[in-house]
Amino acid sequence: MDIRRLILAVILPPAAVMNKEAGTIMLTGLLTLLGWVPGVVAAFVMIAQEQKQKQPQA
């Protein structure tokens, strides 16, 4: 995992998922507005899913 994106996910969750679709960014922003922890968790989940998709299938 990219350590810079993980740090960014803790500091500002919507910025960590900027390479995603607009709905994903808005969802993360909304969760961050409702509470910092849900936004961070959502950003971590989205980053983890992206990393899982990048791994080659064996």
N, C-alpha and C. Protein backbone atom coordinates (compact mmCIF):
# COMPACT_ATOMS: atom_id res chain seq x y z
N MET A 1 0.84 -1.19 0.00
CA MET A 1 0.00 0.00 0.00
C MET A 1 0.87 1.25 0.00
N ASP A 2 0.36 2.26 -0.56
CA ASP A 2 1.06 3.52 -0.61
C ASP A 2 0.90 4.25 0.72
N ILE A 3 1.99 4.45 1.42
CA ILE A 3 1.95 5.05 2.75
C ILE A 3 1.44 6.50 2.69
N ARG A 4 1.71 7.20 1.60
CA ARG A 4 1.24 8.59 1.49
C ARG A 4 -0.28 8.66 1.45
N ARG A 5 -0.91 7.74 0.73
CA ARG A 5 -2.38 7.74 0.67
C ARG A 5 -2.99 7.35 2.00
N LEU A 6 -2.34 6.46 2.75
CA LEU A 6 -2.85 6.07 4.06
C LEU A 6 -2.77 7.24 5.04
N ILE A 7 -1.67 7.97 5.00
CA ILE A 7 -1.54 9.14 5.87
C ILE A 7 -2.57 10.19 5.47
N LEU A 8 -2.76 10.39 4.18
CA LEU A 8 -3.75 11.35 3.70
C LEU A 8 -5.16 10.93 4.09
N ALA A 9 -5.41 9.62 4.12
CA ALA A 9 -6.73 9.12 4.52
C ALA A 9 -7.02 9.44 5.98
N VAL A 10 -6.00 9.48 6.80
CA VAL A 10 -6.19 9.83 8.21
C VAL A 10 -6.40 11.33 8.37
N ILE A 11 -5.64 12.12 7.63
CA ILE A 11 -5.72 13.58 7.77
C ILE A 11 -6.96 14.15 7.08
N LEU A 12 -7.17 13.77 5.82
CA LEU A 12 -8.28 14.31 5.03
C LEU A 12 -8.81 13.20 4.12
N PRO A 13 -9.76 12.41 4.62
CA PRO A 13 -10.23 11.23 3.88
C PRO A 13 -10.70 11.47 2.44
N PRO A 14 -11.46 12.52 2.13
CA PRO A 14 -11.89 12.68 0.73
C PRO A 14 -10.72 12.90 -0.23
N ALA A 15 -9.65 13.51 0.23
CA ALA A 15 -8.50 13.74 -0.64
C ALA A 15 -7.78 12.44 -0.97
N ALA A 16 -7.89 11.45 -0.11
CA ALA A 16 -7.21 10.17 -0.34
C ALA A 16 -7.86 9.36 -1.44
N VAL A 17 -9.12 9.63 -1.75
CA VAL A 17 -9.83 8.87 -2.79
C VAL A 17 -10.13 9.75 -4.00
N MET A 18 -9.31 10.75 -4.25
CA MET A 18 -9.55 11.68 -5.35
C MET A 18 -9.46 11.04 -6.72
N ASN A 19 -8.79 9.91 -6.85
CA ASN A 19 -8.68 9.27 -8.15
C ASN A 19 -9.89 8.38 -8.47
N LYS A 20 -10.88 8.38 -7.59
CA LYS A 20 -12.09 7.58 -7.78
C LYS A 20 -13.16 8.42 -8.47
N GLU A 21 -14.35 7.85 -8.59
CA GLU A 21 -15.48 8.54 -9.20
C GLU A 21 -16.02 9.62 -8.27
N ALA A 22 -16.82 10.52 -8.82
CA ALA A 22 -17.35 11.63 -8.04
C ALA A 22 -18.24 11.16 -6.90
N GLY A 23 -19.03 10.13 -7.11
CA GLY A 23 -19.91 9.61 -6.06
C GLY A 23 -19.13 9.07 -4.87
N THR A 24 -18.01 8.44 -5.15
CA THR A 24 -17.16 7.91 -4.09
C THR A 24 -16.57 9.03 -3.25
N ILE A 25 -16.13 10.08 -3.92
CA ILE A 25 -15.56 11.23 -3.22
C ILE A 25 -16.63 11.90 -2.37
N MET A 26 -17.84 12.04 -2.93
CA MET A 26 -18.93 12.67 -2.18
C MET A 26 -19.34 11.82 -0.99
N LEU A 27 -19.38 10.51 -1.15
CA LEU A 27 -19.73 9.62 -0.05
C LEU A 27 -18.71 9.74 1.08
N THR A 28 -17.44 9.72 0.73
CA THR A 28 -16.40 9.86 1.74
C THR A 28 -16.48 11.23 2.42
N GLY A 29 -16.75 12.26 1.65
CA GLY A 29 -16.89 13.60 2.22
C GLY A 29 -18.08 13.70 3.16
N LEU A 30 -19.19 13.09 2.78
CA LEU A 30 -20.38 13.10 3.63
C LEU A 30 -20.13 12.35 4.93
N LEU A 31 -19.49 11.18 4.83
CA LEU A 31 -19.18 10.42 6.04
C LEU A 31 -18.21 11.18 6.93
N THR A 32 -17.29 11.93 6.32
CA THR A 32 -16.35 12.72 7.10
C THR A 32 -17.07 13.86 7.81
N LEU A 33 -18.05 14.45 7.15
CA LEU A 33 -18.83 15.52 7.79
C LEU A 33 -19.67 14.99 8.95
N LEU A 34 -20.17 13.77 8.81
CA LEU A 34 -20.97 13.16 9.88
C LEU A 34 -20.11 12.74 11.07
N GLY A 35 -18.88 12.47 10.80
CA GLY A 35 -17.95 12.08 11.85
C GLY A 35 -16.63 11.72 11.22
N TRP A 36 -15.56 12.10 11.83
CA TRP A 36 -14.25 11.89 11.23
C TRP A 36 -13.94 10.40 11.06
N VAL A 37 -14.26 9.59 12.05
CA VAL A 37 -13.94 8.16 12.01
C VAL A 37 -14.63 7.44 10.85
N PRO A 38 -15.93 7.64 10.59
CA PRO A 38 -16.53 6.96 9.44
C PRO A 38 -15.88 7.34 8.11
N GLY A 39 -15.46 8.57 7.98
CA GLY A 39 -14.78 8.99 6.76
C GLY A 39 -13.44 8.30 6.59
N VAL A 40 -12.70 8.18 7.68
CA VAL A 40 -11.40 7.51 7.64
C VAL A 40 -11.58 6.03 7.30
N VAL A 41 -12.55 5.39 7.92
CA VAL A 41 -12.81 3.97 7.65
C VAL A 41 -13.20 3.77 6.19
N ALA A 42 -14.06 4.63 5.67
CA ALA A 42 -14.49 4.52 4.27
C ALA A 42 -13.29 4.69 3.34
N ALA A 43 -12.43 5.65 3.63
CA ALA A 43 -11.24 5.86 2.79
C ALA A 43 -10.33 4.64 2.84
N PHE A 44 -10.12 4.07 4.02
CA PHE A 44 -9.28 2.87 4.14
C PHE A 44 -9.87 1.71 3.34
N VAL A 45 -11.17 1.54 3.43
CA VAL A 45 -11.82 0.44 2.70
C VAL A 45 -11.67 0.63 1.20
N MET A 46 -11.87 1.84 0.72
CA MET A 46 -11.76 2.09 -0.72
C MET A 46 -10.34 1.93 -1.21
N ILE A 47 -9.36 2.34 -0.42
CA ILE A 47 -7.96 2.16 -0.80
C ILE A 47 -7.62 0.67 -0.82
N ALA A 48 -8.10 -0.08 0.17
CA ALA A 48 -7.83 -1.51 0.22
C ALA A 48 -8.47 -2.24 -0.97
N GLN A 49 -9.68 -1.85 -1.35
CA GLN A 49 -10.33 -2.47 -2.50
C GLN A 49 -9.56 -2.19 -3.79
N GLU A 50 -9.06 -0.98 -3.91
CA GLU A 50 -8.28 -0.63 -5.10
C GLU A 50 -6.99 -1.45 -5.16
N GLN A 51 -6.33 -1.63 -4.03
CA GLN A 51 -5.11 -2.42 -3.99
C GLN A 51 -5.39 -3.88 -4.32
N LYS A 52 -6.52 -4.39 -3.85
CA LYS A 52 -6.89 -5.77 -4.11
C LYS A 52 -7.14 -6.00 -5.60
N GLN A 53 -7.74 -5.02 -6.27
CA GLN A 53 -8.01 -5.14 -7.69
C GLN A 53 -6.74 -5.05 -8.52
N LYS A 54 -5.72 -4.35 -8.03
CA LYS A 54 -4.46 -4.20 -8.76
C LYS A 54 -3.60 -5.45 -8.69
N GLN A 55 -3.80 -6.31 -7.69
CA GLN A 55 -2.98 -7.50 -7.57
C GLN A 55 -3.27 -8.47 -8.71
N PRO A 56 -2.24 -9.04 -9.29
CA PRO A 56 -2.46 -10.00 -10.39
C PRO A 56 -3.09 -11.29 -9.87
N GLN A 57 -3.95 -11.85 -10.69
CA GLN A 57 -4.62 -13.10 -10.32
C GLN A 57 -3.68 -14.27 -10.58
N ALA A 58 -3.59 -15.17 -9.61
CA ALA A 58 -2.67 -16.32 -9.76
C ALA A 58 -3.41 -17.53 -10.30
